[in-house]
């Protein structure tokens, strides 16, 4: 497992969650409206918003801390082994 050196590092967990949520909500939007184009557009907007949000410092730090809490990783300098 790659060690996390800094809480500000970008986490793949966030991108995976954003794309999953975007896909589910895009499918729901497409099913509710009957328009696959609208579902695809909704998925694109949701994924761009989620991934783009990682450029905002407080959002990135909060997401990284939550991800590390939910999926514990070895942090550089950690004596647990």
PDB file of N, CA and C in Angstrom:
ATOM      1  N   UNK A   1       0.852  -1.174   0.000  1.00  0.00           N
ATOM      2  CA  UNK A   1       0.000   0.000   0.000  1.00  0.00           C
ATOM      3  C   UNK A   1       0.895   1.233   0.000  1.00  0.00           C
ATOM      4  N   UNK A   2       0.573   2.206  -0.847  1.00  0.00           N
ATOM      5  CA  UNK A   2       1.329   3.454  -0.887  1.00  0.00           C
ATOM      6  C   UNK A   2       1.094   4.238   0.397  1.00  0.00           C
ATOM      7  N   UNK A   3       2.183   4.744   0.959  1.00  0.00           N
ATOM      8  CA  UNK A   3       2.055   5.519   2.179  1.00  0.00           C
ATOM      9  C   UNK A   3       1.579   6.930   1.852  1.00  0.00           C
ATOM     10  N   UNK A   4       0.716   7.451   2.693  1.00  0.00           N
ATOM     11  CA  UNK A   4       0.237   8.812   2.544  1.00  0.00           C
ATOM     12  C   UNK A   4       1.221   9.714   3.265  1.00  0.00           C
ATOM     13  N   UNK A   5       1.832  10.628   2.516  1.00  0.00           N
ATOM     14  CA  UNK A   5       2.841  11.493   3.111  1.00  0.00           C
ATOM     15  C   UNK A   5       2.262  12.800   3.628  1.00  0.00           C
ATOM     16  N   UNK A   6       1.109  13.202   3.105  1.00  0.00           N
ATOM     17  CA  UNK A   6       0.548  14.491   3.469  1.00  0.00           C
ATOM     18  C   UNK A   6      -0.965  14.414   3.307  1.00  0.00           C
ATOM     19  N   UNK A   7      -1.701  14.975   4.259  1.00  0.00           N
ATOM     20  CA  UNK A   7      -3.163  14.939   4.162  1.00  0.00           C
ATOM     21  C   UNK A   7      -3.677  15.716   2.966  1.00  0.00           C
ATOM     22  N   UNK A   8      -2.879  16.607   2.397  1.00  0.00           N
ATOM     23  CA  UNK A   8      -3.315  17.366   1.230  1.00  0.00           C
ATOM     24  C   UNK A   8      -3.125  16.598  -0.074  1.00  0.00           C
ATOM     25  N   UNK A   9      -2.534  15.404  -0.017  1.00  0.00           N
ATOM     26  CA  UNK A   9      -2.391  14.591  -1.227  1.00  0.00           C
ATOM     27  C   UNK A   9      -3.764  14.258  -1.778  1.00  0.00           C
ATOM     28  N   UNK A  10      -3.842  14.179  -3.100  1.00  0.00           N
ATOM     29  CA  UNK A  10      -5.110  13.853  -3.756  1.00  0.00           C
ATOM     30  C   UNK A  10      -5.381  12.362  -3.586  1.00  0.00           C
ATOM     31  N   UNK A  11      -6.567  12.000  -3.180  1.00  0.00           N
ATOM     32  CA  UNK A  11      -6.909  10.599  -2.954  1.00  0.00           C
ATOM     33  C   UNK A  11      -7.782  10.056  -4.075  1.00  0.00           C
ATOM     34  N   UNK A  12      -7.430   8.883  -4.551  1.00  0.00           N
ATOM     35  CA  UNK A  12      -8.208   8.209  -5.584  1.00  0.00           C
ATOM     36  C   UNK A  12      -9.572   7.807  -5.043  1.00  0.00           C
ATOM     37  N   UNK A  13      -9.662   7.598  -3.742  1.00  0.00           N
ATOM     38  CA  UNK A  13     -10.928   7.224  -3.110  1.00  0.00           C
ATOM     39  C   UNK A  13     -11.996   8.271  -3.421  1.00  0.00           C
ATOM     40  N   UNK A  14     -11.614   9.535  -3.368  1.00  0.00           N
ATOM     41  CA  UNK A  14     -12.572  10.607  -3.625  1.00  0.00           C
ATOM     42  C   UNK A  14     -13.050  10.575  -5.070  1.00  0.00           C
ATOM     43  N   UNK A  15     -12.118  10.402  -6.019  1.00  0.00           N
ATOM     44  CA  UNK A  15     -12.515  10.351  -7.428  1.00  0.00           C
ATOM     45  C   UNK A  15     -13.437   9.177  -7.695  1.00  0.00           C
ATOM     46  N   UNK A  16     -13.127   8.036  -7.116  1.00  0.00           N
ATOM     47  CA  UNK A  16     -13.967   6.854  -7.304  1.00  0.00           C
ATOM     48  C   UNK A  16     -15.366   7.091  -6.742  1.00  0.00           C
ATOM     49  N   UNK A  17     -15.432   7.678  -5.566  1.00  0.00           N
ATOM     50  CA  UNK A  17     -16.736   7.972  -4.969  1.00  0.00           C
ATOM     51  C   UNK A  17     -17.500   8.986  -5.809  1.00  0.00           C
ATOM     52  N   UNK A  18     -16.817  10.026  -6.291  1.00  0.00           N
ATOM     53  CA  UNK A  18     -17.479  11.044  -7.115  1.00  0.00           C
ATOM     54  C   UNK A  18     -18.041  10.442  -8.396  1.00  0.00           C
ATOM     55  N   UNK A  19     -17.254   9.606  -9.060  1.00  0.00           N
ATOM     56  CA  UNK A  19     -17.715   9.001 -10.313  1.00  0.00           C
ATOM     57  C   UNK A  19     -18.851   8.013 -10.068  1.00  0.00           C
ATOM     58  N   UNK A  20     -18.800   7.290  -8.959  1.00  0.00           N
ATOM     59  CA  UNK A  20     -19.873   6.352  -8.631  1.00  0.00           C
ATOM     60  C   UNK A  20     -21.179   7.092  -8.356  1.00  0.00           C
ATOM     61  N   UNK A  21     -21.107   8.118  -7.518  1.00  0.00           N
ATOM     62  CA  UNK A  21     -22.302   8.908  -7.211  1.00  0.00           C
ATOM     63  C   UNK A  21     -22.833   9.573  -8.471  1.00  0.00           C
ATOM     64  N   UNK A  22     -21.932  10.105  -9.304  1.00  0.00           N
ATOM     65  CA  UNK A  22     -22.349  10.746 -10.550  1.00  0.00           C
ATOM     66  C   UNK A  22     -23.051   9.754 -11.468  1.00  0.00           C
ATOM     67  N   UNK A  23     -22.517   8.549 -11.554  1.00  0.00           N
ATOM     68  CA  UNK A  23     -23.143   7.534 -12.398  1.00  0.00           C
ATOM     69  C   UNK A  23     -24.530   7.152 -11.920  1.00  0.00           C
ATOM     70  N   UNK A  24     -24.650   6.936 -10.623  1.00  0.00           N
ATOM     71  CA  UNK A  24     -25.951   6.553 -10.055  1.00  0.00           C
ATOM     72  C   UNK A  24     -26.970   7.675 -10.238  1.00  0.00           C
ATOM     73  N   UNK A  25     -26.576   8.904  -9.905  1.00  0.00           N
ATOM     74  CA  UNK A  25     -27.511  10.020 -10.044  1.00  0.00           C
ATOM     75  C   UNK A  25     -27.804  10.332 -11.511  1.00  0.00           C
ATOM     76  N   UNK A  26     -26.826  10.125 -12.379  1.00  0.00           N
ATOM     77  CA  UNK A  26     -27.066  10.304 -13.813  1.00  0.00           C
ATOM     78  C   UNK A  26     -28.076   9.296 -14.347  1.00  0.00           C
ATOM     79  N   UNK A  27     -27.937   8.041 -13.903  1.00  0.00           N
ATOM     80  CA  UNK A  27     -28.911   7.018 -14.305  1.00  0.00           C
ATOM     81  C   UNK A  27     -30.301   7.354 -13.775  1.00  0.00           C
ATOM     82  N   UNK A  28     -30.356   7.830 -12.536  1.00  0.00           N
ATOM     83  CA  UNK A  28     -31.647   8.200 -11.950  1.00  0.00           C
ATOM     84  C   UNK A  28     -32.276   9.367 -12.712  1.00  0.00           C
ATOM     85  N   UNK A  29     -31.454  10.369 -13.061  1.00  0.00           N
ATOM     86  CA  UNK A  29     -31.978  11.516 -13.816  1.00  0.00           C
ATOM     87  C   UNK A  29     -32.476  11.081 -15.185  1.00  0.00           C
ATOM     88  N   UNK A  30     -31.718  10.200 -15.834  1.00  0.00           N
ATOM     89  CA  UNK A  30     -32.146   9.696 -17.143  1.00  0.00           C
ATOM     90  C   UNK A  30     -33.434   8.902 -17.063  1.00  0.00           C
ATOM     91  N   UNK A  31     -33.559   8.091 -16.010  1.00  0.00           N
ATOM     92  CA  UNK A  31     -34.768   7.282 -15.857  1.00  0.00           C
ATOM     93  C   UNK A  31     -35.978   8.144 -15.515  1.00  0.00           C
ATOM     94  N   UNK A  32     -35.787   9.155 -14.683  1.00  0.00           N
ATOM     95  CA  UNK A  32     -36.905   9.993 -14.272  1.00  0.00           C
ATOM     96  C   UNK A  32     -37.403  10.890 -15.402  1.00  0.00           C
ATOM     97  N   UNK A  33     -36.480  11.369 -16.226  1.00  0.00           N
ATOM     98  CA  UNK A  33     -36.877  12.286 -17.296  1.00  0.00           C
ATOM     99  C   UNK A  33     -37.136  11.575 -18.605  1.00  0.00           C
ATOM    100  N   UNK A  34     -36.646  10.347 -18.730  1.00  0.00           N
ATOM    101  CA  UNK A  34     -36.792   9.623 -19.987  1.00  0.00           C
ATOM    102  C   UNK A  34     -35.820  10.107 -21.050  1.00  0.00           C
ATOM    103  N   UNK A  35     -34.838  10.898 -20.662  1.00  0.00           N
ATOM    104  CA  UNK A  35     -33.870  11.458 -21.595  1.00  0.00           C
ATOM    105  C   UNK A  35     -32.461  11.010 -21.216  1.00  0.00           C
ATOM    106  N   UNK A  36     -31.860  10.103 -22.005  1.00  0.00           N
ATOM    107  CA  UNK A  36     -30.484   9.687 -21.710  1.00  0.00           C
ATOM    108  C   UNK A  36     -29.493  10.856 -21.802  1.00  0.00           C
ATOM    109  N   UNK A  37     -29.791  11.823 -22.659  1.00  0.00           N
ATOM    110  CA  UNK A  37     -28.900  12.977 -22.797  1.00  0.00           C
ATOM    111  C   UNK A  37     -28.863  13.784 -21.498  1.00  0.00           C
ATOM    112  N   UNK A  38     -30.018  13.967 -20.881  1.00  0.00           N
ATOM    113  CA  UNK A  38     -30.077  14.699 -19.624  1.00  0.00           C
ATOM    114  C   UNK A  38     -29.369  13.923 -18.513  1.00  0.00           C
ATOM    115  N   UNK A  39     -29.506  12.618 -18.510  1.00  0.00           N
ATOM    116  CA  UNK A  39     -28.806  11.785 -17.530  1.00  0.00           C
ATOM    117  C   UNK A  39     -27.301  11.884 -17.685  1.00  0.00           C
ATOM    118  N   UNK A  40     -26.818  11.870 -18.923  1.00  0.00           N
ATOM    119  CA  UNK A  40     -25.386  12.004 -19.191  1.00  0.00           C
ATOM    120  C   UNK A  40     -24.887  13.383 -18.784  1.00  0.00           C
ATOM    121  N   UNK A  41     -25.671  14.408 -19.083  1.00  0.00           N
ATOM    122  CA  UNK A  41     -25.295  15.771 -18.694  1.00  0.00           C
ATOM    123  C   UNK A  41     -25.244  15.909 -17.175  1.00  0.00           C
ATOM    124  N   UNK A  42     -26.219  15.330 -16.480  1.00  0.00           N
ATOM    125  CA  UNK A  42     -26.235  15.395 -15.016  1.00  0.00           C
ATOM    126  C   UNK A  42     -25.021  14.678 -14.439  1.00  0.00           C
ATOM    127  N   UNK A  43     -24.686  13.508 -14.986  1.00  0.00           N
ATOM    128  CA  UNK A  43     -23.516  12.764 -14.513  1.00  0.00           C
ATOM    129  C   UNK A  43     -22.242  13.572 -14.733  1.00  0.00           C
ATOM    130  N   UNK A  44     -22.138  14.232 -15.864  1.00  0.00           N
ATOM    131  CA  UNK A  44     -20.957  15.052 -16.148  1.00  0.00           C
ATOM    132  C   UNK A  44     -20.816  16.218 -15.187  1.00  0.00           C
ATOM    133  N   UNK A  45     -21.917  16.891 -14.927  1.00  0.00           N
ATOM    134  CA  UNK A  45     -21.879  18.039 -14.011  1.00  0.00           C
ATOM    135  C   UNK A  45     -21.526  17.582 -12.593  1.00  0.00           C
ATOM    136  N   UNK A  46     -22.123  16.488 -12.146  1.00  0.00           N
ATOM    137  CA  UNK A  46     -21.871  15.998 -10.791  1.00  0.00           C
ATOM    138  C   UNK A  46     -20.422  15.551 -10.634  1.00  0.00           C
ATOM    139  N   UNK A  47     -19.891  14.823 -11.616  1.00  0.00           N
ATOM    140  CA  UNK A  47     -18.501  14.370 -11.502  1.00  0.00           C
ATOM    141  C   UNK A  47     -17.527  15.537 -11.576  1.00  0.00           C
ATOM    142  N   UNK A  48     -17.784  16.503 -12.448  1.00  0.00           N
ATOM    143  CA  UNK A  48     -16.902  17.671 -12.547  1.00  0.00           C
ATOM    144  C   UNK A  48     -16.927  18.485 -11.256  1.00  0.00           C
ATOM    145  N   UNK A  49     -18.093  18.614 -10.648  1.00  0.00           N
ATOM    146  CA  UNK A  49     -18.208  19.351  -9.393  1.00  0.00           C
ATOM    147  C   UNK A  49     -17.466  18.639  -8.269  1.00  0.00           C
ATOM    148  N   UNK A  50     -17.638  17.329  -8.189  1.00  0.00           N
ATOM    149  CA  UNK A  50     -16.971  16.558  -7.129  1.00  0.00           C
ATOM    150  C   UNK A  50     -15.468  16.564  -7.261  1.00  0.00           C
ATOM    151  N   UNK A  51     -14.975  16.317  -8.462  1.00  0.00           N
ATOM    152  CA  UNK A  51     -13.533  16.284  -8.672  1.00  0.00           C
ATOM    153  C   UNK A  51     -12.955  17.696  -8.608  1.00  0.00           C
ATOM    154  N   UNK A  52     -13.659  18.670  -9.156  1.00  0.00           N
ATOM    155  CA  UNK A  52     -13.200  20.050  -9.101  1.00  0.00           C
ATOM    156  C   UNK A  52     -13.174  20.599  -7.694  1.00  0.00           C
ATOM    157  N   UNK A  53     -14.048  20.094  -6.839  1.00  0.00           N
ATOM    158  CA  UNK A  53     -14.079  20.535  -5.453  1.00  0.00           C
ATOM    159  C   UNK A  53     -12.792  20.235  -4.710  1.00  0.00           C
ATOM    160  N   UNK A  54     -12.032  19.265  -5.196  1.00  0.00           N
ATOM    161  CA  UNK A  54     -10.772  18.914  -4.550  1.00  0.00           C
ATOM    162  C   UNK A  54      -9.718  20.007  -4.718  1.00  0.00           C
ATOM    163  N   UNK A  55      -9.957  20.971  -5.584  1.00  0.00           N
ATOM    164  CA  UNK A  55      -9.017  22.086  -5.745  1.00  0.00           C
ATOM    165  C   UNK A  55      -9.186  23.128  -4.645  1.00  0.00           C
ATOM    166  N   UNK A  56     -10.277  23.034  -3.909  1.00  0.00           N
ATOM    167  CA  UNK A  56     -10.543  23.966  -2.815  1.00  0.00           C
ATOM    168  C   UNK A  56      -9.947  23.365  -1.541  1.00  0.00           C
ATOM    169  N   UNK A  57      -9.000  24.069  -0.949  1.00  0.00           N
ATOM    170  CA  UNK A  57      -8.237  23.553   0.190  1.00  0.00           C
ATOM    171  C   UNK A  57      -9.052  22.941   1.310  1.00  0.00           C
ATOM    172  N   UNK A  58     -10.007  23.668   1.889  1.00  0.00           N
ATOM    173  CA  UNK A  58     -10.774  23.083   3.001  1.00  0.00           C
ATOM    174  C   UNK A  58     -11.569  21.843   2.589  1.00  0.00           C
ATOM    175  N   UNK A  59     -12.086  21.831   1.377  1.00  0.00           N
ATOM    176  CA  UNK A  59     -12.822  20.654   0.893  1.00  0.00           C
ATOM    177  C   UNK A  59     -11.870  19.473   0.780  1.00  0.00           C
ATOM    178  N   UNK A  60     -10.703  19.709   0.164  1.00  0.00           N
ATOM    179  CA  UNK A  60      -9.712  18.643  -0.020  1.00  0.00           C
ATOM    180  C   UNK A  60      -9.261  18.080   1.327  1.00  0.00           C
ATOM    181  N   UNK A  61      -8.952  18.942   2.274  1.00  0.00           N
ATOM    182  CA  UNK A  61      -8.501  18.465   3.588  1.00  0.00           C
ATOM    183  C   UNK A  61      -9.596  17.682   4.303  1.00  0.00           C
ATOM    184  N   UNK A  62     -10.826  18.169   4.233  1.00  0.00           N
ATOM    185  CA  UNK A  62     -11.934  17.458   4.867  1.00  0.00           C
ATOM    186  C   UNK A  62     -12.177  16.092   4.255  1.00  0.00           C
ATOM    187  N   UNK A  63     -12.152  16.023   2.929  1.00  0.00           N
ATOM    188  CA  UNK A  63     -12.360  14.751   2.240  1.00  0.00           C
ATOM    189  C   UNK A  63     -11.223  13.788   2.556  1.00  0.00           C
ATOM    190  N   UNK A  64      -9.997  14.287   2.549  1.00  0.00           N
ATOM    191  CA  UNK A  64      -8.859  13.420   2.842  1.00  0.00           C
ATOM    192  C   UNK A  64      -8.924  12.882   4.263  1.00  0.00           C
ATOM    193  N   UNK A  65      -9.263  13.727   5.208  1.00  0.00           N
ATOM    194  CA  UNK A  65      -9.371  13.263   6.603  1.00  0.00           C
ATOM    195  C   UNK A  65     -10.488  12.230   6.756  1.00  0.00           C
ATOM    196  N   UNK A  66     -11.614  12.477   6.102  1.00  0.00           N
ATOM    197  CA  UNK A  66     -12.721  11.515   6.170  1.00  0.00           C
ATOM    198  C   UNK A  66     -12.330  10.187   5.535  1.00  0.00           C
ATOM    199  N   UNK A  67     -11.648  10.248   4.401  1.00  0.00           N
ATOM    200  CA  UNK A  67     -11.236   9.014   3.724  1.00  0.00           C
ATOM    201  C   UNK A  67     -10.237   8.234   4.567  1.00  0.00           C
ATOM    202  N   UNK A  68      -9.315   8.929   5.194  1.00  0.00           N
ATOM    203  CA  UNK A  68      -8.337   8.240   6.044  1.00  0.00           C
ATOM    204  C   UNK A  68      -8.990   7.661   7.291  1.00  0.00           C
ATOM    205  N   UNK A  69     -10.036   8.290   7.761  1.00  0.00           N
ATOM    206  CA  UNK A  69     -10.753   7.768   8.923  1.00  0.00           C
ATOM    207  C   UNK A  69     -11.541   6.516   8.549  1.00  0.00           C
ATOM    208  N   UNK A  70     -12.180   6.550   7.378  1.00  0.00           N
ATOM    209  CA  UNK A  70     -12.993   5.416   6.944  1.00  0.00           C
ATOM    210  C   UNK A  70     -12.156   4.245   6.452  1.00  0.00           C
ATOM    211  N   UNK A  71     -11.023   4.533   5.816  1.00  0.00           N
ATOM    212  CA  UNK A  71     -10.141   3.484   5.292  1.00  0.00           C
ATOM    213  C   UNK A  71      -8.742   3.768   5.817  1.00  0.00           C
ATOM    214  N   UNK A  72      -8.436   3.315   7.031  1.00  0.00           N
ATOM    215  CA  UNK A  72      -7.142   3.626   7.627  1.00  0.00           C
ATOM    216  C   UNK A  72      -5.975   3.207   6.736  1.00  0.00           C
ATOM    217  N   UNK A  73      -5.030   4.117   6.600  1.00  0.00           N
ATOM    218  CA  UNK A  73      -3.830   3.859   5.803  1.00  0.00           C
ATOM    219  C   UNK A  73      -2.620   4.095   6.687  1.00  0.00           C
ATOM    220  N   UNK A  74      -1.527   3.515   6.303  1.00  0.00           N
ATOM    221  CA  UNK A  74      -0.307   3.746   7.047  1.00  0.00           C
ATOM    222  C   UNK A  74       0.231   5.117   6.659  1.00  0.00           C
ATOM    223  N   UNK A  75       0.430   5.955   7.646  1.00  0.00           N
ATOM    224  CA  UNK A  75       0.966   7.282   7.421  1.00  0.00           C
ATOM    225  C   UNK A  75       2.452   7.234   7.658  1.00  0.00           C
ATOM    226  N   UNK A  76       3.224   7.914   6.797  1.00  0.00           N
ATOM    227  CA  UNK A  76       4.675   7.921   6.916  1.00  0.00           C
ATOM    228  C   UNK A  76       5.067   8.349   8.328  1.00  0.00           C
ATOM    229  N   UNK A  77       5.928   7.576   8.951  1.00  0.00           N
ATOM    230  CA  UNK A  77       6.350   7.869  10.310  1.00  0.00           C
ATOM    231  C   UNK A  77       5.526   7.133  11.362  1.00  0.00           C
ATOM    232  N   UNK A  78       4.485   6.435  10.928  1.00  0.00           N
ATOM    233  CA  UNK A  78       3.644   5.674  11.844  1.00  0.00           C
ATOM    234  C   UNK A  78       4.431   4.460  12.347  1.00  0.00           C
ATOM    235  N   UNK A  79       4.448   4.222  13.647  1.00  0.00           N
ATOM    236  CA  UNK A  79       5.229   3.127  14.209  1.00  0.00           C
ATOM    237  C   UNK A  79       4.474   1.804  14.196  1.00  0.00           C
ATOM    238  N   UNK A  80       3.188   1.837  13.832  1.00  0.00           N
ATOM    239  CA  UNK A  80       2.419   0.589  13.761  1.00  0.00           C
ATOM    240  C   UNK A  80       2.918  -0.210  12.580  1.00  0.00           C
ATOM    241  N   UNK A  81       2.957  -1.481  12.696  1.00  0.00           N
ATOM    242  CA  UNK A  81       3.508  -2.203  11.582  1.00  0.00           C
ATOM    243  C   UNK A  81       2.884  -3.436  11.230  1.00  0.00           C
TER     244      UNK A  81
END
